[in-house]
């Protein structure tokens, strides 16, 4: 895809992962990221979301695999914040960081391993199969107090559904990073099942969601 950028602004947001074909709201208030979003709105509206490994702010402490997001909604608030919606487009691998005089970081990135994320082929969702595969995931959601509208998921195609469940799941961030880095959808489904197999659901019985 020729209109994908070769370099992007990087938003190393802790405790947050976005997957392709999912949409999430973000509340932007830190000055350097206000600059980043405003600059992005003036160009291609792309931002790279990457999960930091730690609180240190250097390239070595970022995961190498992130997801390119496109700003699909933009609103300024009265308290100098920005409310945006970001749509996951395609995963990328960081090649190197680029020096600049901007307050935020920019990286040269490669999409080579993840071009299949752009595939718009609608794979028919066999919902009975999905329910069977994710019975344990549904149990985990329910025990954690998460509410999922499974009937609404029927209206989406398979990759949108799998990615939405992976992103919204009560898994750890490390587990979600593993899911983000899986090669394709089939591997991701298998990996979700493997992660679920490590959970003992009894530990969630007495959990209260605030």
Protein backbone atom coordinates (compact mmCIF):
# COMPACT_ATOMS: atom_id res chain seq x y z
CA UNK A 1 0.00 0.00 0.00
CA UNK A 2 1.77 3.09 -1.30
CA UNK A 3 0.20 5.65 1.04
CA UNK A 4 1.55 4.06 4.21
CA UNK A 5 4.15 6.30 5.89
CA UNK A 6 7.80 5.27 6.20
CA UNK A 7 8.20 7.25 9.41
CA UNK A 8 5.60 7.95 12.07
CA UNK A 9 5.19 9.72 15.40
CA UNK A 10 5.35 7.21 18.24
CA UNK A 11 2.97 7.28 21.19
CA UNK A 12 4.52 4.97 23.85
CA UNK A 13 1.43 4.67 26.00
CA UNK A 14 1.71 2.44 29.07
CA UNK A 15 -1.05 -0.05 29.82
CA UNK A 16 -2.57 0.27 26.36
CA UNK A 17 -2.55 -1.81 23.18
CA UNK A 18 -4.55 -1.31 19.98
CA UNK A 19 -5.16 -4.03 17.39
CA UNK A 20 -5.85 -3.67 13.65
CA UNK A 21 -9.52 -3.13 12.75
CA UNK A 22 -10.44 -1.95 16.25
CA UNK A 23 -11.36 1.59 17.33
CA UNK A 24 -10.57 3.14 20.71
CA UNK A 25 -11.08 6.58 22.33
CA UNK A 26 -8.08 8.47 23.71
CA UNK A 27 -7.92 11.50 26.00
CA UNK A 28 -4.81 13.53 25.11
CA UNK A 29 -3.51 16.08 27.62
CA UNK A 30 0.29 15.91 27.83
CA UNK A 31 1.80 18.86 25.86
CA UNK A 32 4.13 16.82 23.63
CA UNK A 33 1.30 14.48 22.62
CA UNK A 34 -1.04 17.41 22.02
CA UNK A 35 1.64 18.60 19.58
CA UNK A 36 1.84 15.11 18.07
CA UNK A 37 -1.90 14.85 17.47
CA UNK A 38 -2.14 18.38 16.06
CA UNK A 39 0.77 17.71 13.70
CA UNK A 40 -0.78 14.40 12.67
CA UNK A 41 -4.11 16.09 11.88
CA UNK A 42 -2.28 18.43 9.52
CA UNK A 43 -0.75 15.53 7.59
CA UNK A 44 -1.91 11.91 7.26
CA UNK A 45 -3.64 11.48 10.66
CA UNK A 46 -1.41 8.48 11.47
CA UNK A 47 0.04 7.71 14.91
CA UNK A 48 2.05 4.67 15.98
CA UNK A 49 0.94 3.07 19.24
CA UNK A 50 3.70 1.10 21.00
CA UNK A 51 3.70 -0.54 24.43
CA UNK A 52 6.69 0.45 26.63
CA UNK A 53 8.49 -2.36 28.45
CA UNK A 54 9.21 -0.07 31.38
CA UNK A 55 8.85 3.53 32.53
CA UNK A 56 12.20 4.49 30.98
CA UNK A 57 11.85 6.73 27.94
CA UNK A 58 14.27 5.27 25.40
CA UNK A 59 13.98 3.09 22.32
CA UNK A 60 15.42 -0.02 23.98
CA UNK A 61 12.51 0.01 26.42
CA UNK A 62 9.84 -0.09 23.72
CA UNK A 63 8.40 -3.25 22.25
CA UNK A 64 9.51 -3.52 18.64
CA UNK A 65 6.02 -4.34 17.37
CA UNK A 66 3.23 -1.78 17.51
CA UNK A 67 0.11 -0.83 15.59
CA UNK A 68 -0.44 2.11 13.26
CA UNK A 69 -3.60 4.01 14.14
CA UNK A 70 -5.51 6.58 12.10
CA UNK A 71 -7.37 9.41 13.81
CA UNK A 72 -11.03 9.07 12.81
CA UNK A 73 -12.53 11.57 15.26
CA UNK A 74 -11.06 14.75 16.74
CA UNK A 75 -12.56 17.09 19.34
CA UNK A 76 -11.07 19.91 21.42
CA UNK A 77 -12.32 20.32 25.00
CA UNK A 78 -12.62 23.41 27.15
CA UNK A 79 -9.75 22.34 29.41
CA UNK A 80 -7.19 22.20 26.55
CA UNK A 81 -7.46 18.46 26.04
CA UNK A 82 -8.10 16.55 22.85
CA UNK A 83 -10.54 13.68 22.57
CA UNK A 84 -9.75 11.46 19.62
CA UNK A 85 -10.79 8.09 18.27
CA UNK A 86 -8.05 5.93 16.81
CA UNK A 87 -8.68 3.13 14.32
CA UNK A 88 -6.08 0.36 14.17
CA UNK A 89 -4.81 -0.08 10.60
CA UNK A 90 -1.74 -2.31 10.40
CA UNK A 91 1.00 -3.56 12.69
CA UNK A 92 4.59 -2.42 12.20
CA UNK A 93 8.12 -3.14 13.35
CA UNK A 94 10.36 -0.31 14.55
CA UNK A 95 13.51 -0.07 12.42
CA UNK A 96 15.18 2.89 14.11
CA UNK A 97 14.43 6.11 15.93
CA UNK A 98 14.76 9.37 14.00
CA UNK A 99 16.37 12.43 15.57
CA UNK A 100 14.30 15.59 15.34
CA UNK A 101 13.64 18.82 17.21
CA UNK A 102 10.07 17.77 18.00
CA UNK A 103 8.96 17.13 21.57
CA UNK A 104 7.62 13.69 20.69
CA UNK A 105 9.48 10.75 19.20
CA UNK A 106 9.49 9.58 15.59
CA UNK A 107 10.61 6.25 14.20
CA UNK A 108 11.32 4.69 10.85
CA UNK A 109 9.11 1.63 10.63
CA UNK A 110 8.47 -1.40 8.41
CA UNK A 111 5.11 -2.97 7.55
CA UNK A 112 6.64 -5.81 5.53
CA UNK A 113 5.68 -8.65 7.89
CA UNK A 114 2.12 -7.45 8.42
CA UNK A 115 0.73 -6.45 5.01
CA UNK A 116 -1.99 -9.07 5.41
CA UNK A 117 -3.51 -6.84 8.12
CA UNK A 118 -4.76 -4.68 5.23
CA UNK A 119 -6.70 -7.55 3.68
CA UNK A 120 -10.34 -6.48 3.37
CA UNK A 121 -11.57 -9.93 2.45
CA UNK A 122 -14.65 -10.61 4.56
CA UNK A 123 -14.22 -13.98 6.15
CA UNK A 124 -17.66 -15.25 7.07
CA UNK A 125 -18.04 -15.52 10.80
CA UNK A 126 -19.31 -18.90 11.92
CA UNK A 127 -20.58 -17.69 15.23
CA UNK A 128 -21.35 -21.15 16.58
CA UNK A 129 -17.68 -22.03 16.06
CA UNK A 130 -16.58 -18.80 17.70
CA UNK A 131 -18.77 -19.40 20.72
CA UNK A 132 -17.32 -22.89 21.05
CA UNK A 133 -13.73 -21.62 20.78
CA UNK A 134 -14.32 -18.79 23.23
CA UNK A 135 -16.55 -20.45 25.80
CA UNK A 136 -13.76 -20.15 28.36
CA UNK A 137 -13.15 -16.55 27.32
CA UNK A 138 -16.82 -15.75 27.87
CA UNK A 139 -16.60 -17.34 31.33
CA UNK A 140 -13.55 -15.22 32.11
CA UNK A 141 -15.26 -12.03 30.93
CA UNK A 142 -18.30 -12.78 33.06
CA UNK A 143 -16.31 -13.63 36.19
CA UNK A 144 -14.31 -10.42 35.81
CA UNK A 145 -17.54 -8.44 35.46
CA UNK A 146 -16.94 -7.58 31.79
CA UNK A 147 -20.07 -7.33 29.63
CA UNK A 148 -19.77 -8.30 25.98
CA UNK A 149 -22.63 -7.98 23.51
CA UNK A 150 -22.03 -11.24 21.66
CA UNK A 151 -24.97 -10.64 19.32
CA UNK A 152 -23.37 -7.40 18.14
CA UNK A 153 -20.16 -9.29 17.42
CA UNK A 154 -22.09 -11.44 14.96
CA UNK A 155 -22.36 -8.38 12.70
CA UNK A 156 -18.56 -8.08 12.41
CA UNK A 157 -16.21 -10.19 10.34
CA UNK A 158 -13.91 -12.72 11.97
CA UNK A 159 -10.72 -10.68 12.26
CA UNK A 160 -12.56 -7.68 13.73
CA UNK A 161 -14.18 -9.95 16.31
CA UNK A 162 -11.00 -11.80 17.29
CA UNK A 163 -9.00 -8.57 17.56
CA UNK A 164 -11.71 -6.78 19.54
CA UNK A 165 -11.92 -9.66 22.02
CA UNK A 166 -8.13 -9.84 22.31
CA UNK A 167 -7.89 -6.11 23.02
CA UNK A 168 -10.82 -6.01 25.47
CA UNK A 169 -9.93 -9.21 27.31
CA UNK A 170 -8.84 -9.21 30.97
CA UNK A 171 -5.44 -10.61 29.95
CA UNK A 172 -2.18 -9.08 31.14
CA UNK A 173 -0.45 -6.52 28.92
CA UNK A 174 2.35 -9.03 28.31
CA UNK A 175 -0.21 -11.55 27.07
CA UNK A 176 -1.86 -8.92 24.87
CA UNK A 177 1.55 -8.00 23.41
CA UNK A 178 2.05 -11.68 22.54
CA UNK A 179 -1.34 -11.67 20.79
CA UNK A 180 -0.45 -8.48 18.91
CA UNK A 181 2.76 -10.03 17.63
CA UNK A 182 1.17 -13.28 16.40
CA UNK A 183 1.64 -13.76 12.67
CA UNK A 184 -1.99 -14.13 11.63
CA UNK A 185 -5.54 -14.64 12.81
CA UNK A 186 -5.39 -18.43 13.08
CA UNK A 187 -2.29 -18.22 15.29
CA UNK A 188 -3.98 -15.53 17.37
CA UNK A 189 -7.04 -17.72 17.98
CA UNK A 190 -4.78 -20.60 19.02
CA UNK A 191 -2.72 -18.36 21.29
CA UNK A 192 -5.85 -17.02 23.00
CA UNK A 193 -6.86 -20.60 23.76
CA UNK A 194 -3.38 -21.33 25.13
CA UNK A 195 -3.48 -18.26 27.38
CA UNK A 196 -6.92 -19.19 28.62
CA UNK A 197 -5.68 -22.66 29.49
CA UNK A 198 -3.24 -21.10 31.96
CA UNK A 199 -6.01 -19.32 33.86
CA UNK A 200 -7.76 -20.87 36.84
CA UNK A 201 -11.17 -19.27 36.81
CA UNK A 202 -11.75 -19.76 40.53
CA UNK A 203 -9.46 -16.83 41.29
CA UNK A 204 -12.04 -14.49 39.74
CA UNK A 205 -15.03 -15.69 41.72
CA UNK A 206 -14.79 -13.03 44.39
CA UNK A 207 -13.56 -10.16 42.22
CA UNK A 208 -15.49 -6.90 42.38
CA UNK A 209 -15.20 -4.51 39.45
CA UNK A 210 -15.26 -0.90 40.58
